[in-house]
């Protein structure tokens, strides 16, 4: 797996980087990639199929509203939000059974995230829904 720890200056550049990495992986079969990044500015990001009118009711600070190529809900991003983009090949012939489909891949990834965070904060961490992590029923991490 290749690790790519790089944050760009603008939200648009960071989202474009994720999209370019995905396209490169699909076209060139480059292997698995894990990218970490943190935005420098606040912005709102919609999941691929979210409707802007339904998701952004108020935007008093006039934050930029962008869309990512992956699914998931609408969120406000900004400094202090650690993002990761994980590109794994979904393969029905995969030797790792967990990577034979999107649902099982999400479960595989979330369980590892849960274990890693729990070992650091030394509190019980739960997976709620399919991609949220919570402590004492309070969400602190979401994935799309």
C-alpha atoms as a PDB file:
ATOM      1  CA  UNK A   1       0.000   0.000   0.000  1.00  0.00           C
ATOM      2  CA  UNK A   2       1.245   3.468  -0.869  1.00  0.00           C
ATOM      3  CA  UNK A   3       0.924   6.179   1.814  1.00  0.00           C
ATOM      4  CA  UNK A   4       0.352   9.731   0.584  1.00  0.00           C
ATOM      5  CA  UNK A   5       0.390  12.387   3.349  1.00  0.00           C
ATOM      6  CA  UNK A   6      -0.388  15.594   1.472  1.00  0.00           C
ATOM      7  CA  UNK A   7      -2.738  18.530   2.039  1.00  0.00           C
ATOM      8  CA  UNK A   8      -3.247  21.112  -0.684  1.00  0.00           C
ATOM      9  CA  UNK A   9      -4.020  24.819  -0.271  1.00  0.00           C
ATOM     10  CA  UNK A  10      -7.703  24.759  -1.213  1.00  0.00           C
ATOM     11  CA  UNK A  11     -10.655  22.441  -0.640  1.00  0.00           C
ATOM     12  CA  UNK A  12     -11.087  22.169  -4.417  1.00  0.00           C
ATOM     13  CA  UNK A  13      -7.503  20.931  -4.815  1.00  0.00           C
ATOM     14  CA  UNK A  14      -7.901  18.361  -2.037  1.00  0.00           C
ATOM     15  CA  UNK A  15     -11.103  16.943  -3.505  1.00  0.00           C
ATOM     16  CA  UNK A  16      -9.586  16.976  -7.002  1.00  0.00           C
ATOM     17  CA  UNK A  17      -6.575  15.037  -5.692  1.00  0.00           C
ATOM     18  CA  UNK A  18      -8.844  12.329  -4.272  1.00  0.00           C
ATOM     19  CA  UNK A  19     -10.706  12.091  -7.577  1.00  0.00           C
ATOM     20  CA  UNK A  20      -7.446  11.934  -9.565  1.00  0.00           C
ATOM     21  CA  UNK A  21      -6.100   9.170  -7.311  1.00  0.00           C
ATOM     22  CA  UNK A  22      -9.293   7.178  -7.819  1.00  0.00           C
ATOM     23  CA  UNK A  23      -9.147   7.600 -11.596  1.00  0.00           C
ATOM     24  CA  UNK A  24      -5.475   6.626 -11.640  1.00  0.00           C
ATOM     25  CA  UNK A  25      -6.156   3.494  -9.602  1.00  0.00           C
ATOM     26  CA  UNK A  26      -8.997   2.466 -11.908  1.00  0.00           C
ATOM     27  CA  UNK A  27      -7.078   3.118 -15.128  1.00  0.00           C
ATOM     28  CA  UNK A  28      -3.555   2.036 -14.267  1.00  0.00           C
ATOM     29  CA  UNK A  29      -4.233  -0.556 -11.568  1.00  0.00           C
ATOM     30  CA  UNK A  30      -1.667   1.192  -9.353  1.00  0.00           C
ATOM     31  CA  UNK A  31      -2.506  -0.672  -6.185  1.00  0.00           C
ATOM     32  CA  UNK A  32      -3.862   0.434  -2.860  1.00  0.00           C
ATOM     33  CA  UNK A  33      -3.401   4.006  -1.639  1.00  0.00           C
ATOM     34  CA  UNK A  34      -3.977   5.647   1.748  1.00  0.00           C
ATOM     35  CA  UNK A  35      -3.951   9.454   1.699  1.00  0.00           C
ATOM     36  CA  UNK A  36      -4.162  11.740   4.739  1.00  0.00           C
ATOM     37  CA  UNK A  37      -5.066  15.405   4.471  1.00  0.00           C
ATOM     38  CA  UNK A  38      -6.343  18.338   6.528  1.00  0.00           C
ATOM     39  CA  UNK A  39      -8.192  21.313   5.047  1.00  0.00           C
ATOM     40  CA  UNK A  40      -6.817  24.794   5.678  1.00  0.00           C
ATOM     41  CA  UNK A  41     -10.188  26.513   5.211  1.00  0.00           C
ATOM     42  CA  UNK A  42     -13.790  25.736   6.088  1.00  0.00           C
ATOM     43  CA  UNK A  43     -16.130  24.423   3.404  1.00  0.00           C
ATOM     44  CA  UNK A  44     -19.233  22.297   2.966  1.00  0.00           C
ATOM     45  CA  UNK A  45     -18.926  19.075   1.008  1.00  0.00           C
ATOM     46  CA  UNK A  46     -21.842  17.120  -0.414  1.00  0.00           C
ATOM     47  CA  UNK A  47     -21.781  13.412  -1.145  1.00  0.00           C
ATOM     48  CA  UNK A  48     -22.035  12.411  -4.788  1.00  0.00           C
ATOM     49  CA  UNK A  49     -25.817  12.033  -4.904  1.00  0.00           C
ATOM     50  CA  UNK A  50     -26.883  14.689  -2.367  1.00  0.00           C
ATOM     51  CA  UNK A  51     -29.090  17.525  -3.622  1.00  0.00           C
ATOM     52  CA  UNK A  52     -27.713  20.947  -2.693  1.00  0.00           C
ATOM     53  CA  UNK A  53     -31.187  22.402  -2.000  1.00  0.00           C
ATOM     54  CA  UNK A  54     -32.018  19.561   0.399  1.00  0.00           C
ATOM     55  CA  UNK A  55     -28.689  19.531   2.220  1.00  0.00           C
ATOM     56  CA  UNK A  56     -27.661  23.175   2.682  1.00  0.00           C
ATOM     57  CA  UNK A  57     -30.533  25.008   4.368  1.00  0.00           C
ATOM     58  CA  UNK A  58     -28.466  27.875   5.769  1.00  0.00           C
ATOM     59  CA  UNK A  59     -24.946  28.987   5.025  1.00  0.00           C
ATOM     60  CA  UNK A  60     -24.518  32.182   7.098  1.00  0.00           C
ATOM     61  CA  UNK A  61     -20.757  32.266   6.614  1.00  0.00           C
ATOM     62  CA  UNK A  62     -21.114  31.743   2.849  1.00  0.00           C
ATOM     63  CA  UNK A  63     -18.795  28.762   2.937  1.00  0.00           C
ATOM     64  CA  UNK A  64     -17.892  27.205  -0.401  1.00  0.00           C
ATOM     65  CA  UNK A  65     -20.191  24.283  -1.224  1.00  0.00           C
ATOM     66  CA  UNK A  66     -18.413  21.480  -3.070  1.00  0.00           C
ATOM     67  CA  UNK A  67     -19.162  17.890  -4.076  1.00  0.00           C
ATOM     68  CA  UNK A  68     -16.973  14.810  -3.679  1.00  0.00           C
ATOM     69  CA  UNK A  69     -16.992  11.797  -5.996  1.00  0.00           C
ATOM     70  CA  UNK A  70     -17.831   9.377  -3.184  1.00  0.00           C
ATOM     71  CA  UNK A  71     -21.137   8.930  -1.427  1.00  0.00           C
ATOM     72  CA  UNK A  72     -22.005   9.793   2.128  1.00  0.00           C
ATOM     73  CA  UNK A  73     -23.666  12.711   3.792  1.00  0.00           C
ATOM     74  CA  UNK A  74     -23.051  16.420   3.714  1.00  0.00           C
ATOM     75  CA  UNK A  75     -20.476  17.703   6.198  1.00  0.00           C
ATOM     76  CA  UNK A  76     -18.666  20.868   7.153  1.00  0.00           C
ATOM     77  CA  UNK A  77     -14.908  20.483   6.883  1.00  0.00           C
ATOM     78  CA  UNK A  78     -12.176  22.710   8.236  1.00  0.00           C
ATOM     79  CA  UNK A  79      -8.872  22.995  10.053  1.00  0.00           C
ATOM     80  CA  UNK A  80      -8.509  20.223  12.619  1.00  0.00           C
ATOM     81  CA  UNK A  81     -10.508  17.689  10.584  1.00  0.00           C
ATOM     82  CA  UNK A  82      -8.239  14.798   9.684  1.00  0.00           C
ATOM     83  CA  UNK A  83      -9.377  13.235   6.418  1.00  0.00           C
ATOM     84  CA  UNK A  84      -8.250  10.013   4.899  1.00  0.00           C
ATOM     85  CA  UNK A  85      -8.904   8.583   1.493  1.00  0.00           C
ATOM     86  CA  UNK A  86      -8.470   4.845   1.202  1.00  0.00           C
ATOM     87  CA  UNK A  87      -8.451   3.236  -2.211  1.00  0.00           C
ATOM     88  CA  UNK A  88      -8.823  -0.540  -2.154  1.00  0.00           C
ATOM     89  CA  UNK A  89      -9.558  -2.813  -5.067  1.00  0.00           C
ATOM     90  CA  UNK A  90     -12.940  -4.517  -4.741  1.00  0.00           C
ATOM     91  CA  UNK A  91     -12.440  -7.913  -6.328  1.00  0.00           C
ATOM     92  CA  UNK A  92     -14.837 -10.855  -6.306  1.00  0.00           C
ATOM     93  CA  UNK A  93     -11.808 -13.147  -6.597  1.00  0.00           C
ATOM     94  CA  UNK A  94      -9.958 -11.439  -3.743  1.00  0.00           C
ATOM     95  CA  UNK A  95      -8.065 -13.643  -1.346  1.00  0.00           C
ATOM     96  CA  UNK A  96      -9.253 -11.301   1.417  1.00  0.00           C
ATOM     97  CA  UNK A  97     -12.935 -12.164   1.720  1.00  0.00           C
ATOM     98  CA  UNK A  98     -13.602  -8.782   3.323  1.00  0.00           C
ATOM     99  CA  UNK A  99     -12.729  -6.994   0.076  1.00  0.00           C
ATOM    100  CA  UNK A 100     -15.178  -8.861  -2.138  1.00  0.00           C
ATOM    101  CA  UNK A 101     -17.789  -6.100  -1.935  1.00  0.00           C
ATOM    102  CA  UNK A 102     -18.383  -2.571  -0.717  1.00  0.00           C
ATOM    103  CA  UNK A 103     -20.437  -3.503   2.366  1.00  0.00           C
ATOM    104  CA  UNK A 104     -17.918  -6.066   3.617  1.00  0.00           C
ATOM    105  CA  UNK A 105     -15.006  -3.717   2.794  1.00  0.00           C
ATOM    106  CA  UNK A 106     -16.656  -0.950   4.863  1.00  0.00           C
ATOM    107  CA  UNK A 107     -17.097  -3.354   7.777  1.00  0.00           C
ATOM    108  CA  UNK A 108     -13.478  -4.481   7.485  1.00  0.00           C
ATOM    109  CA  UNK A 109     -12.152  -0.899   7.437  1.00  0.00           C
ATOM    110  CA  UNK A 110     -14.430   0.400  10.189  1.00  0.00           C
ATOM    111  CA  UNK A 111     -13.536  -2.422  12.562  1.00  0.00           C
ATOM    112  CA  UNK A 112      -9.849  -1.663  12.122  1.00  0.00           C
ATOM    113  CA  UNK A 113     -10.480   2.056  12.635  1.00  0.00           C
ATOM    114  CA  UNK A 114     -12.494   1.273  15.772  1.00  0.00           C
ATOM    115  CA  UNK A 115      -9.745  -0.912  17.211  1.00  0.00           C
ATOM    116  CA  UNK A 116      -7.013   1.628  16.428  1.00  0.00           C
ATOM    117  CA  UNK A 117      -8.838   4.565  18.021  1.00  0.00           C
ATOM    118  CA  UNK A 118      -9.907   2.508  21.029  1.00  0.00           C
ATOM    119  CA  UNK A 119      -6.296   1.488  21.708  1.00  0.00           C
ATOM    120  CA  UNK A 120      -5.207   5.135  21.705  1.00  0.00           C
ATOM    121  CA  UNK A 121      -8.010   6.759  23.720  1.00  0.00           C
ATOM    122  CA  UNK A 122      -8.520   3.749  26.010  1.00  0.00           C
ATOM    123  CA  UNK A 123     -12.304   4.096  25.922  1.00  0.00           C
ATOM    124  CA  UNK A 124     -14.908   1.889  24.318  1.00  0.00           C
ATOM    125  CA  UNK A 125     -15.538   2.884  20.679  1.00  0.00           C
ATOM    126  CA  UNK A 126     -18.598   1.660  18.803  1.00  0.00           C
ATOM    127  CA  UNK A 127     -19.469   1.474  15.124  1.00  0.00           C
ATOM    128  CA  UNK A 128     -22.917   2.927  14.533  1.00  0.00           C
ATOM    129  CA  UNK A 129     -24.678   2.673  11.225  1.00  0.00           C
ATOM    130  CA  UNK A 130     -22.288   1.466   8.601  1.00  0.00           C
ATOM    131  CA  UNK A 131     -19.528   4.086   8.806  1.00  0.00           C
ATOM    132  CA  UNK A 132     -19.717   6.169  11.991  1.00  0.00           C
ATOM    133  CA  UNK A 133     -17.547   5.839  15.083  1.00  0.00           C
ATOM    134  CA  UNK A 134     -18.931   6.899  18.459  1.00  0.00           C
ATOM    135  CA  UNK A 135     -17.849   7.176  22.090  1.00  0.00           C
ATOM    136  CA  UNK A 136     -20.632   7.251  24.691  1.00  0.00           C
ATOM    137  CA  UNK A 137     -23.098   7.473  21.804  1.00  0.00           C
ATOM    138  CA  UNK A 138     -21.484  10.694  20.479  1.00  0.00           C
ATOM    139  CA  UNK A 139     -20.269  10.584  16.876  1.00  0.00           C
ATOM    140  CA  UNK A 140     -16.710  11.730  16.331  1.00  0.00           C
ATOM    141  CA  UNK A 141     -15.926  10.160  12.963  1.00  0.00           C
ATOM    142  CA  UNK A 142     -17.809   9.507   9.759  1.00  0.00           C
ATOM    143  CA  UNK A 143     -16.804   7.955   6.500  1.00  0.00           C
ATOM    144  CA  UNK A 144     -18.116   8.016   2.972  1.00  0.00           C
END
